[in-house]
């Protein structure tokens, strides 16, 4: 039997391609999480100033996903976030029980 744990993932999304690209990226990762895990919440923090420039960008769009899944899925989610050219940074953390 698979062990289900709680996770949270923060995505920092580039604003370079416009608001449509941001919305598509948020939906893409929401759909991916819903397909492979149980989504608890999606909290869109919106546009924020970065602490330091990333790829010459000073502002980005932040999204927090809370979900429950098996241990293998967060690694796959992280891999897909690294491949996506609209995601500047991402961090996935396992929550304490």
PDB file of N, CA and C in Angstrom:
ATOM      1  N   UNK A   1       0.840  -1.190   0.000  1.00  0.00           N
ATOM      2  CA  UNK A   1       0.000   0.000   0.000  1.00  0.00           C
ATOM      3  C   UNK A   1       0.883   1.251   0.000  1.00  0.00           C
ATOM      4  N   UNK A   2       0.546   2.193  -0.825  1.00  0.00           N
ATOM      5  CA  UNK A   2       1.342   3.412  -0.969  1.00  0.00           C
ATOM      6  C   UNK A   2       1.070   4.375   0.183  1.00  0.00           C
ATOM      7  N   UNK A   3       2.123   5.043   0.607  1.00  0.00           N
ATOM      8  CA  UNK A   3       2.010   6.041   1.668  1.00  0.00           C
ATOM      9  C   UNK A   3       1.693   7.392   1.033  1.00  0.00           C
ATOM     10  N   UNK A   4       0.647   8.046   1.524  1.00  0.00           N
ATOM     11  CA  UNK A   4       0.245   9.360   1.021  1.00  0.00           C
ATOM     12  C   UNK A   4       0.731  10.427   2.002  1.00  0.00           C
ATOM     13  N   UNK A   5       1.421  11.434   1.491  1.00  0.00           N
ATOM     14  CA  UNK A   5       1.929  12.531   2.313  1.00  0.00           C
ATOM     15  C   UNK A   5       1.442  13.863   1.778  1.00  0.00           C
ATOM     16  N   UNK A   6       1.495  14.890   2.618  1.00  0.00           N
ATOM     17  CA  UNK A   6       1.107  16.246   2.220  1.00  0.00           C
ATOM     18  C   UNK A   6       2.333  17.011   1.739  1.00  0.00           C
ATOM     19  N   UNK A   7       2.135  17.779   0.680  1.00  0.00           N
ATOM     20  CA  UNK A   7       3.214  18.584   0.094  1.00  0.00           C
ATOM     21  C   UNK A   7       2.707  19.977  -0.220  1.00  0.00           C
ATOM     22  N   UNK A   8       3.650  20.915  -0.293  1.00  0.00           N
ATOM     23  CA  UNK A   8       3.330  22.227  -0.838  1.00  0.00           C
ATOM     24  C   UNK A   8       4.415  22.587  -1.840  1.00  0.00           C
ATOM     25  N   UNK A   9       3.978  23.218  -2.915  1.00  0.00           N
ATOM     26  CA  UNK A   9       4.891  23.600  -3.989  1.00  0.00           C
ATOM     27  C   UNK A   9       4.687  25.076  -4.311  1.00  0.00           C
ATOM     28  N   UNK A  10       5.783  25.808  -4.366  1.00  0.00           N
ATOM     29  CA  UNK A  10       5.738  27.220  -4.746  1.00  0.00           C
ATOM     30  C   UNK A  10       6.391  27.352  -6.114  1.00  0.00           C
ATOM     31  N   UNK A  11       5.686  28.007  -7.026  1.00  0.00           N
ATOM     32  CA  UNK A  11       6.202  28.235  -8.368  1.00  0.00           C
ATOM     33  C   UNK A  11       6.345  29.739  -8.585  1.00  0.00           C
ATOM     34  N   UNK A  12       7.484  30.142  -9.122  1.00  0.00           N
ATOM     35  CA  UNK A  12       7.741  31.524  -9.494  1.00  0.00           C
ATOM     36  C   UNK A  12       7.725  31.547 -11.022  1.00  0.00           C
ATOM     37  N   UNK A  13       6.699  32.194 -11.568  1.00  0.00           N
ATOM     38  CA  UNK A  13       6.440  32.141 -13.009  1.00  0.00           C
ATOM     39  C   UNK A  13       6.824  33.456 -13.670  1.00  0.00           C
ATOM     40  N   UNK A  14       7.494  33.358 -14.797  1.00  0.00           N
ATOM     41  CA  UNK A  14       7.942  34.520 -15.559  1.00  0.00           C
ATOM     42  C   UNK A  14       6.757  35.316 -16.100  1.00  0.00           C
ATOM     43  N   UNK A  15       6.888  36.631 -16.075  1.00  0.00           N
ATOM     44  CA  UNK A  15       5.883  37.531 -16.636  1.00  0.00           C
ATOM     45  C   UNK A  15       6.253  37.980 -18.053  1.00  0.00           C
ATOM     46  N   UNK A  16       7.379  37.511 -18.546  1.00  0.00           N
ATOM     47  CA  UNK A  16       7.916  37.966 -19.829  1.00  0.00           C
ATOM     48  C   UNK A  16       6.960  37.713 -21.004  1.00  0.00           C
ATOM     49  N   UNK A  17       6.224  36.611 -20.965  1.00  0.00           N
ATOM     50  CA  UNK A  17       5.341  36.257 -22.081  1.00  0.00           C
ATOM     51  C   UNK A  17       3.903  36.735 -21.902  1.00  0.00           C
ATOM     52  N   UNK A  18       3.630  37.448 -20.841  1.00  0.00           N
ATOM     53  CA  UNK A  18       2.303  38.013 -20.654  1.00  0.00           C
ATOM     54  C   UNK A  18       1.413  37.206 -19.723  1.00  0.00           C
ATOM     55  N   UNK A  19       0.232  37.781 -19.455  1.00  0.00           N
ATOM     56  CA  UNK A  19      -0.697  37.187 -18.502  1.00  0.00           C
ATOM     57  C   UNK A  19      -1.299  35.878 -18.996  1.00  0.00           C
ATOM     58  N   UNK A  20      -1.487  35.741 -20.307  1.00  0.00           N
ATOM     59  CA  UNK A  20      -2.032  34.495 -20.855  1.00  0.00           C
ATOM     60  C   UNK A  20      -1.091  33.324 -20.593  1.00  0.00           C
ATOM     61  N   UNK A  21       0.200  33.536 -20.762  1.00  0.00           N
ATOM     62  CA  UNK A  21       1.183  32.482 -20.520  1.00  0.00           C
ATOM     63  C   UNK A  21       1.221  32.106 -19.040  1.00  0.00           C
ATOM     64  N   UNK A  22       1.053  33.105 -18.173  1.00  0.00           N
ATOM     65  CA  UNK A  22       1.014  32.838 -16.733  1.00  0.00           C
ATOM     66  C   UNK A  22      -0.199  31.969 -16.409  1.00  0.00           C
ATOM     67  N   UNK A  23      -1.370  32.348 -16.928  1.00  0.00           N
ATOM     68  CA  UNK A  23      -2.599  31.583 -16.671  1.00  0.00           C
ATOM     69  C   UNK A  23      -2.488  30.157 -17.216  1.00  0.00           C
ATOM     70  N   UNK A  24      -1.891  29.999 -18.393  1.00  0.00           N
ATOM     71  CA  UNK A  24      -1.699  28.670 -18.972  1.00  0.00           C
ATOM     72  C   UNK A  24      -0.774  27.813 -18.107  1.00  0.00           C
ATOM     73  N   UNK A  25       0.286  28.421 -17.589  1.00  0.00           N
ATOM     74  CA  UNK A  25       1.233  27.688 -16.746  1.00  0.00           C
ATOM     75  C   UNK A  25       0.576  27.256 -15.445  1.00  0.00           C
ATOM     76  N   UNK A  26      -0.184  28.165 -14.815  1.00  0.00           N
ATOM     77  CA  UNK A  26      -0.881  27.833 -13.574  1.00  0.00           C
ATOM     78  C   UNK A  26      -1.848  26.679 -13.812  1.00  0.00           C
ATOM     79  N   UNK A  27      -2.605  26.744 -14.913  1.00  0.00           N
ATOM     80  CA  UNK A  27      -3.567  25.685 -15.237  1.00  0.00           C
ATOM     81  C   UNK A  27      -2.865  24.376 -15.567  1.00  0.00           C
ATOM     82  N   UNK A  28      -1.767  24.447 -16.303  1.00  0.00           N
ATOM     83  CA  UNK A  28      -1.022  23.249 -16.683  1.00  0.00           C
ATOM     84  C   UNK A  28      -0.568  22.476 -15.448  1.00  0.00           C
ATOM     85  N   UNK A  29       0.007  23.178 -14.471  1.00  0.00           N
ATOM     86  CA  UNK A  29       0.491  22.491 -13.282  1.00  0.00           C
ATOM     87  C   UNK A  29      -0.657  22.100 -12.347  1.00  0.00           C
ATOM     88  N   UNK A  30      -1.737  22.860 -12.333  1.00  0.00           N
ATOM     89  CA  UNK A  30      -2.923  22.466 -11.560  1.00  0.00           C
ATOM     90  C   UNK A  30      -3.494  21.161 -12.100  1.00  0.00           C
ATOM     91  N   UNK A  31      -3.618  21.073 -13.423  1.00  0.00           N
ATOM     92  CA  UNK A  31      -4.137  19.858 -14.054  1.00  0.00           C
ATOM     93  C   UNK A  31      -3.223  18.664 -13.793  1.00  0.00           C
ATOM     94  N   UNK A  32      -1.915  18.879 -13.869  1.00  0.00           N
ATOM     95  CA  UNK A  32      -0.959  17.807 -13.625  1.00  0.00           C
ATOM     96  C   UNK A  32      -1.079  17.281 -12.192  1.00  0.00           C
ATOM     97  N   UNK A  33      -1.183  18.195 -11.233  1.00  0.00           N
ATOM     98  CA  UNK A  33      -1.315  17.788  -9.832  1.00  0.00           C
ATOM     99  C   UNK A  33      -2.640  17.055  -9.616  1.00  0.00           C
ATOM    100  N   UNK A  34      -3.724  17.573 -10.180  1.00  0.00           N
ATOM    101  CA  UNK A  34      -5.029  16.923 -10.014  1.00  0.00           C
ATOM    102  C   UNK A  34      -5.056  15.543 -10.648  1.00  0.00           C
ATOM    103  N   UNK A  35      -4.288  15.334 -11.699  1.00  0.00           N
ATOM    104  CA  UNK A  35      -4.254  14.043 -12.371  1.00  0.00           C
ATOM    105  C   UNK A  35      -3.525  12.985 -11.542  1.00  0.00           C
ATOM    106  N   UNK A  36      -2.455  13.401 -10.844  1.00  0.00           N
ATOM    107  CA  UNK A  36      -1.603  12.447 -10.132  1.00  0.00           C
ATOM    108  C   UNK A  36      -1.687  12.537  -8.608  1.00  0.00           C
ATOM    109  N   UNK A  37      -2.439  13.485  -8.085  1.00  0.00           N
ATOM    110  CA  UNK A  37      -2.492  13.691  -6.636  1.00  0.00           C
ATOM    111  C   UNK A  37      -3.864  14.244  -6.257  1.00  0.00           C
ATOM    112  N   UNK A  38      -4.041  14.477  -4.973  1.00  0.00           N
ATOM    113  CA  UNK A  38      -5.267  15.089  -4.481  1.00  0.00           C
ATOM    114  C   UNK A  38      -4.966  16.550  -4.157  1.00  0.00           C
ATOM    115  N   UNK A  39      -5.536  17.448  -4.943  1.00  0.00           N
ATOM    116  CA  UNK A  39      -5.302  18.886  -4.753  1.00  0.00           C
ATOM    117  C   UNK A  39      -6.078  19.361  -3.526  1.00  0.00           C
ATOM    118  N   UNK A  40      -5.392  20.041  -2.623  1.00  0.00           N
ATOM    119  CA  UNK A  40      -6.055  20.616  -1.463  1.00  0.00           C
ATOM    120  C   UNK A  40      -6.394  22.082  -1.689  1.00  0.00           C
ATOM    121  N   UNK A  41      -5.440  22.827  -2.269  1.00  0.00           N
ATOM    122  CA  UNK A  41      -5.707  24.238  -2.551  1.00  0.00           C
ATOM    123  C   UNK A  41      -4.687  24.793  -3.540  1.00  0.00           C
ATOM    124  N   UNK A  42      -5.103  25.861  -4.202  1.00  0.00           N
ATOM    125  CA  UNK A  42      -4.220  26.631  -5.081  1.00  0.00           C
ATOM    126  C   UNK A  42      -4.341  28.071  -4.613  1.00  0.00           C
ATOM    127  N   UNK A  43      -3.245  28.647  -4.181  1.00  0.00           N
ATOM    128  CA  UNK A  43      -3.247  30.013  -3.681  1.00  0.00           C
ATOM    129  C   UNK A  43      -2.375  30.864  -4.608  1.00  0.00           C
ATOM    130  N   UNK A  44      -3.013  31.694  -5.406  1.00  0.00           N
ATOM    131  CA  UNK A  44      -2.273  32.559  -6.326  1.00  0.00           C
ATOM    132  C   UNK A  44      -1.914  33.857  -5.598  1.00  0.00           C
ATOM    133  N   UNK A  45      -0.628  34.012  -5.314  1.00  0.00           N
ATOM    134  CA  UNK A  45      -0.158  35.202  -4.606  1.00  0.00           C
ATOM    135  C   UNK A  45      -0.067  36.400  -5.535  1.00  0.00           C
ATOM    136  N   UNK A  46       0.012  36.151  -6.822  1.00  0.00           N
ATOM    137  CA  UNK A  46       0.044  37.239  -7.784  1.00  0.00           C
ATOM    138  C   UNK A  46       1.449  37.740  -8.083  1.00  0.00           C
ATOM    139  N   UNK A  47       1.476  38.920  -8.675  1.00  0.00           N
ATOM    140  CA  UNK A  47       2.737  39.538  -9.094  1.00  0.00           C
ATOM    141  C   UNK A  47       3.461  40.100  -7.881  1.00  0.00           C
ATOM    142  N   UNK A  48       4.727  39.745  -7.750  1.00  0.00           N
ATOM    143  CA  UNK A  48       5.568  40.227  -6.652  1.00  0.00           C
ATOM    144  C   UNK A  48       6.949  40.583  -7.184  1.00  0.00           C
ATOM    145  N   UNK A  49       7.604  41.471  -6.475  1.00  0.00           N
ATOM    146  CA  UNK A  49       8.980  41.831  -6.822  1.00  0.00           C
ATOM    147  C   UNK A  49       9.908  40.751  -6.284  1.00  0.00           C
ATOM    148  N   UNK A  50      10.875  40.353  -7.124  1.00  0.00           N
ATOM    149  CA  UNK A  50      11.857  39.348  -6.720  1.00  0.00           C
ATOM    150  C   UNK A  50      12.914  39.978  -5.830  1.00  0.00           C
ATOM    151  N   UNK A  51      13.488  39.194  -4.938  1.00  0.00           N
ATOM    152  CA  UNK A  51      14.545  39.689  -4.057  1.00  0.00           C
ATOM    153  C   UNK A  51      15.805  40.022  -4.849  1.00  0.00           C
ATOM    154  N   UNK A  52      16.011  39.309  -5.939  1.00  0.00           N
ATOM    155  CA  UNK A  52      17.146  39.561  -6.830  1.00  0.00           C
ATOM    156  C   UNK A  52      16.720  39.193  -8.249  1.00  0.00           C
ATOM    157  N   UNK A  53      17.313  39.808  -9.257  1.00  0.00           N
ATOM    158  CA  UNK A  53      16.915  39.499 -10.638  1.00  0.00           C
ATOM    159  C   UNK A  53      17.209  38.041 -11.011  1.00  0.00           C
ATOM    160  N   UNK A  54      16.261  37.413 -11.714  1.00  0.00           N
ATOM    161  CA  UNK A  54      16.439  36.068 -12.251  1.00  0.00           C
ATOM    162  C   UNK A  54      16.239  36.192 -13.756  1.00  0.00           C
ATOM    163  N   UNK A  55      17.248  35.836 -14.516  1.00  0.00           N
ATOM    164  CA  UNK A  55      17.207  35.976 -15.982  1.00  0.00           C
ATOM    165  C   UNK A  55      16.809  37.391 -16.402  1.00  0.00           C
ATOM    166  N   UNK A  56      17.346  38.378 -15.713  1.00  0.00           N
ATOM    167  CA  UNK A  56      17.107  39.803 -15.969  1.00  0.00           C
ATOM    168  C   UNK A  56      15.662  40.236 -15.709  1.00  0.00           C
ATOM    169  N   UNK A  57      14.900  39.438 -14.965  1.00  0.00           N
ATOM    170  CA  UNK A  57      13.531  39.793 -14.592  1.00  0.00           C
ATOM    171  C   UNK A  57      13.523  40.202 -13.120  1.00  0.00           C
ATOM    172  N   UNK A  58      12.780  41.252 -12.812  1.00  0.00           N
ATOM    173  CA  UNK A  58      12.714  41.734 -11.427  1.00  0.00           C
ATOM    174  C   UNK A  58      11.362  41.467 -10.780  1.00  0.00           C
ATOM    175  N   UNK A  59      10.350  41.104 -11.573  1.00  0.00           N
ATOM    176  CA  UNK A  59       9.018  40.768 -11.061  1.00  0.00           C
ATOM    177  C   UNK A  59       8.627  39.389 -11.581  1.00  0.00           C
ATOM    178  N   UNK A  60       7.777  38.696 -10.812  1.00  0.00           N
ATOM    179  CA  UNK A  60       7.296  37.383 -11.233  1.00  0.00           C
ATOM    180  C   UNK A  60       5.942  37.116 -10.587  1.00  0.00           C
ATOM    181  N   UNK A  61       5.290  36.055 -11.030  1.00  0.00           N
ATOM    182  CA  UNK A  61       3.975  35.666 -10.521  1.00  0.00           C
ATOM    183  C   UNK A  61       4.164  34.430  -9.643  1.00  0.00           C
ATOM    184  N   UNK A  62       3.685  34.504  -8.398  1.00  0.00           N
ATOM    185  CA  UNK A  62       3.860  33.420  -7.436  1.00  0.00           C
ATOM    186  C   UNK A  62       2.577  32.616  -7.280  1.00  0.00           C
ATOM    187  N   UNK A  63       2.723  31.280  -7.201  1.00  0.00           N
ATOM    188  CA  UNK A  63       1.588  30.380  -6.985  1.00  0.00           C
ATOM    189  C   UNK A  63       2.002  29.321  -5.968  1.00  0.00           C
ATOM    190  N   UNK A  64       1.107  29.047  -4.996  1.00  0.00           N
ATOM    191  CA  UNK A  64       1.335  28.014  -3.986  1.00  0.00           C
ATOM    192  C   UNK A  64       0.299  26.914  -4.181  1.00  0.00           C
ATOM    193  N   UNK A  65       0.778  25.682  -4.375  1.00  0.00           N
ATOM    194  CA  UNK A  65      -0.094  24.509  -4.497  1.00  0.00           C
ATOM    195  C   UNK A  65       0.056  23.657  -3.240  1.00  0.00           C
ATOM    196  N   UNK A  66      -1.059  23.232  -2.650  1.00  0.00           N
ATOM    197  CA  UNK A  66      -1.054  22.271  -1.557  1.00  0.00           C
ATOM    198  C   UNK A  66      -1.722  21.005  -2.064  1.00  0.00           C
ATOM    199  N   UNK A  67      -1.060  19.864  -1.887  1.00  0.00           N
ATOM    200  CA  UNK A  67      -1.611  18.607  -2.399  1.00  0.00           C
ATOM    201  C   UNK A  67      -1.118  17.423  -1.582  1.00  0.00           C
ATOM    202  N   UNK A  68      -1.808  16.287  -1.758  1.00  0.00           N
ATOM    203  CA  UNK A  68      -1.408  15.030  -1.128  1.00  0.00           C
ATOM    204  C   UNK A  68      -1.125  14.037  -2.242  1.00  0.00           C
ATOM    205  N   UNK A  69      -0.004  13.307  -2.119  1.00  0.00           N
ATOM    206  CA  UNK A  69       0.343  12.329  -3.147  1.00  0.00           C
ATOM    207  C   UNK A  69       1.291  11.284  -2.585  1.00  0.00           C
ATOM    208  N   UNK A  70       1.590  10.307  -3.437  1.00  0.00           N
ATOM    209  CA  UNK A  70       2.609   9.326  -3.114  1.00  0.00           C
ATOM    210  C   UNK A  70       3.976   9.990  -3.249  1.00  0.00           C
ATOM    211  N   UNK A  71       4.984   9.351  -2.702  1.00  0.00           N
ATOM    212  CA  UNK A  71       6.327   9.945  -2.640  1.00  0.00           C
ATOM    213  C   UNK A  71       6.974  10.165  -4.004  1.00  0.00           C
ATOM    214  N   UNK A  72       6.603   9.408  -5.016  1.00  0.00           N
ATOM    215  CA  UNK A  72       7.262   9.517  -6.325  1.00  0.00           C
ATOM    216  C   UNK A  72       6.810  10.742  -7.120  1.00  0.00           C
ATOM    217  N   UNK A  73       5.592  11.208  -6.911  1.00  0.00           N
ATOM    218  CA  UNK A  73       5.064  12.301  -7.739  1.00  0.00           C
ATOM    219  C   UNK A  73       5.793  13.640  -7.584  1.00  0.00           C
ATOM    220  N   UNK A  74       6.156  14.091  -6.371  1.00  0.00           N
ATOM    221  CA  UNK A  74       6.852  15.388  -6.279  1.00  0.00           C
ATOM    222  C   UNK A  74       8.136  15.460  -7.109  1.00  0.00           C
ATOM    223  N   UNK A  75       8.846  14.369  -7.230  1.00  0.00           N
ATOM    224  CA  UNK A  75      10.064  14.371  -8.058  1.00  0.00           C
ATOM    225  C   UNK A  75       9.707  14.599  -9.527  1.00  0.00           C
ATOM    226  N   UNK A  76       8.624  13.985  -9.988  1.00  0.00           N
ATOM    227  CA  UNK A  76       8.170  14.169 -11.375  1.00  0.00           C
ATOM    228  C   UNK A  76       7.686  15.606 -11.595  1.00  0.00           C
ATOM    229  N   UNK A  77       6.963  16.146 -10.621  1.00  0.00           N
ATOM    230  CA  UNK A  77       6.492  17.533 -10.703  1.00  0.00           C
ATOM    231  C   UNK A  77       7.679  18.492 -10.780  1.00  0.00           C
ATOM    232  N   UNK A  78       8.687  18.259  -9.971  1.00  0.00           N
ATOM    233  CA  UNK A  78       9.883  19.098  -9.975  1.00  0.00           C
ATOM    234  C   UNK A  78      10.606  19.000 -11.321  1.00  0.00           C
ATOM    235  N   UNK A  79      10.679  17.803 -11.887  1.00  0.00           N
ATOM    236  CA  UNK A  79      11.319  17.612 -13.189  1.00  0.00           C
ATOM    237  C   UNK A  79      10.600  18.414 -14.268  1.00  0.00           C
ATOM    238  N   UNK A  80       9.273  18.363 -14.260  1.00  0.00           N
ATOM    239  CA  UNK A  80       8.498  19.100 -15.270  1.00  0.00           C
ATOM    240  C   UNK A  80       8.594  20.610 -15.063  1.00  0.00           C
ATOM    241  N   UNK A  81       8.701  21.047 -13.807  1.00  0.00           N
ATOM    242  CA  UNK A  81       8.862  22.480 -13.530  1.00  0.00           C
ATOM    243  C   UNK A  81      10.211  22.986 -14.038  1.00  0.00           C
ATOM    244  N   UNK A  82      11.237  22.163 -13.909  1.00  0.00           N
ATOM    245  CA  UNK A  82      12.571  22.555 -14.393  1.00  0.00           C
ATOM    246  C   UNK A  82      12.614  22.645 -15.917  1.00  0.00           C
ATOM    247  N   UNK A  83      11.828  21.809 -16.591  1.00  0.00           N
ATOM    248  CA  UNK A  83      11.790  21.802 -18.050  1.00  0.00           C
ATOM    249  C   UNK A  83      11.012  23.009 -18.588  1.00  0.00           C
ATOM    250  N   UNK A  84       9.944  23.398 -17.877  1.00  0.00           N
ATOM    251  CA  UNK A  84       9.081  24.488 -18.348  1.00  0.00           C
ATOM    252  C   UNK A  84       9.863  25.797 -18.403  1.00  0.00           C
ATOM    253  N   UNK A  85       9.851  26.448 -19.551  1.00  0.00           N
ATOM    254  CA  UNK A  85      10.611  27.687 -19.698  1.00  0.00           C
ATOM    255  C   UNK A  85       9.913  28.892 -19.070  1.00  0.00           C
ATOM    256  N   UNK A  86       8.642  28.753 -18.675  1.00  0.00           N
ATOM    257  CA  UNK A  86       7.943  29.862 -18.021  1.00  0.00           C
ATOM    258  C   UNK A  86       8.146  29.864 -16.508  1.00  0.00           C
ATOM    259  N   UNK A  87       8.657  28.769 -15.949  1.00  0.00           N
ATOM    260  CA  UNK A  87       8.889  28.682 -14.500  1.00  0.00           C
ATOM    261  C   UNK A  87      10.319  29.108 -14.210  1.00  0.00           C
ATOM    262  N   UNK A  88      10.468  30.206 -13.457  1.00  0.00           N
ATOM    263  CA  UNK A  88      11.801  30.691 -13.102  1.00  0.00           C
ATOM    264  C   UNK A  88      12.401  29.874 -11.970  1.00  0.00           C
ATOM    265  N   UNK A  89      11.604  29.613 -10.937  1.00  0.00           N
ATOM    266  CA  UNK A  89      12.038  28.840  -9.774  1.00  0.00           C
ATOM    267  C   UNK A  89      10.849  28.046  -9.259  1.00  0.00           C
ATOM    268  N   UNK A  90      11.147  26.922  -8.594  1.00  0.00           N
ATOM    269  CA  UNK A  90      10.102  26.152  -7.940  1.00  0.00           C
ATOM    270  C   UNK A  90      10.718  25.467  -6.723  1.00  0.00           C
ATOM    271  N   UNK A  91       9.861  25.216  -5.748  1.00  0.00           N
ATOM    272  CA  UNK A  91      10.309  24.497  -4.558  1.00  0.00           C
ATOM    273  C   UNK A  91       9.149  23.644  -4.065  1.00  0.00           C
ATOM    274  N   UNK A  92       9.409  22.367  -3.858  1.00  0.00           N
ATOM    275  CA  UNK A  92       8.400  21.440  -3.366  1.00  0.00           C
ATOM    276  C   UNK A  92       8.883  20.908  -2.017  1.00  0.00           C
ATOM    277  N   UNK A  93       8.013  21.035  -1.004  1.00  0.00           N
ATOM    278  CA  UNK A  93       8.380  20.674   0.358  1.00  0.00           C
ATOM    279  C   UNK A  93       7.347  19.710   0.924  1.00  0.00           C
ATOM    280  N   UNK A  94       7.831  18.672   1.613  1.00  0.00           N
ATOM    281  CA  UNK A  94       6.931  17.751   2.291  1.00  0.00           C
ATOM    282  C   UNK A  94       6.565  18.371   3.637  1.00  0.00           C
ATOM    283  N   UNK A  95       5.258  18.440   3.913  1.00  0.00           N
ATOM    284  CA  UNK A  95       4.794  19.011   5.177  1.00  0.00           C
ATOM    285  C   UNK A  95       4.937  17.973   6.294  1.00  0.00           C
ATOM    286  N   UNK A  96       5.112  18.457   7.515  1.00  0.00           N
ATOM    287  CA  UNK A  96       5.135  17.563   8.661  1.00  0.00           C
ATOM    288  C   UNK A  96       3.755  16.981   8.892  1.00  0.00           C
ATOM    289  N   UNK A  97       3.734  15.744   9.351  1.00  0.00           N
ATOM    290  CA  UNK A  97       2.446  15.079   9.606  1.00  0.00           C
ATOM    291  C   UNK A  97       1.819  15.722  10.785  1.00  0.00           C
TER     292      UNK A  97
END
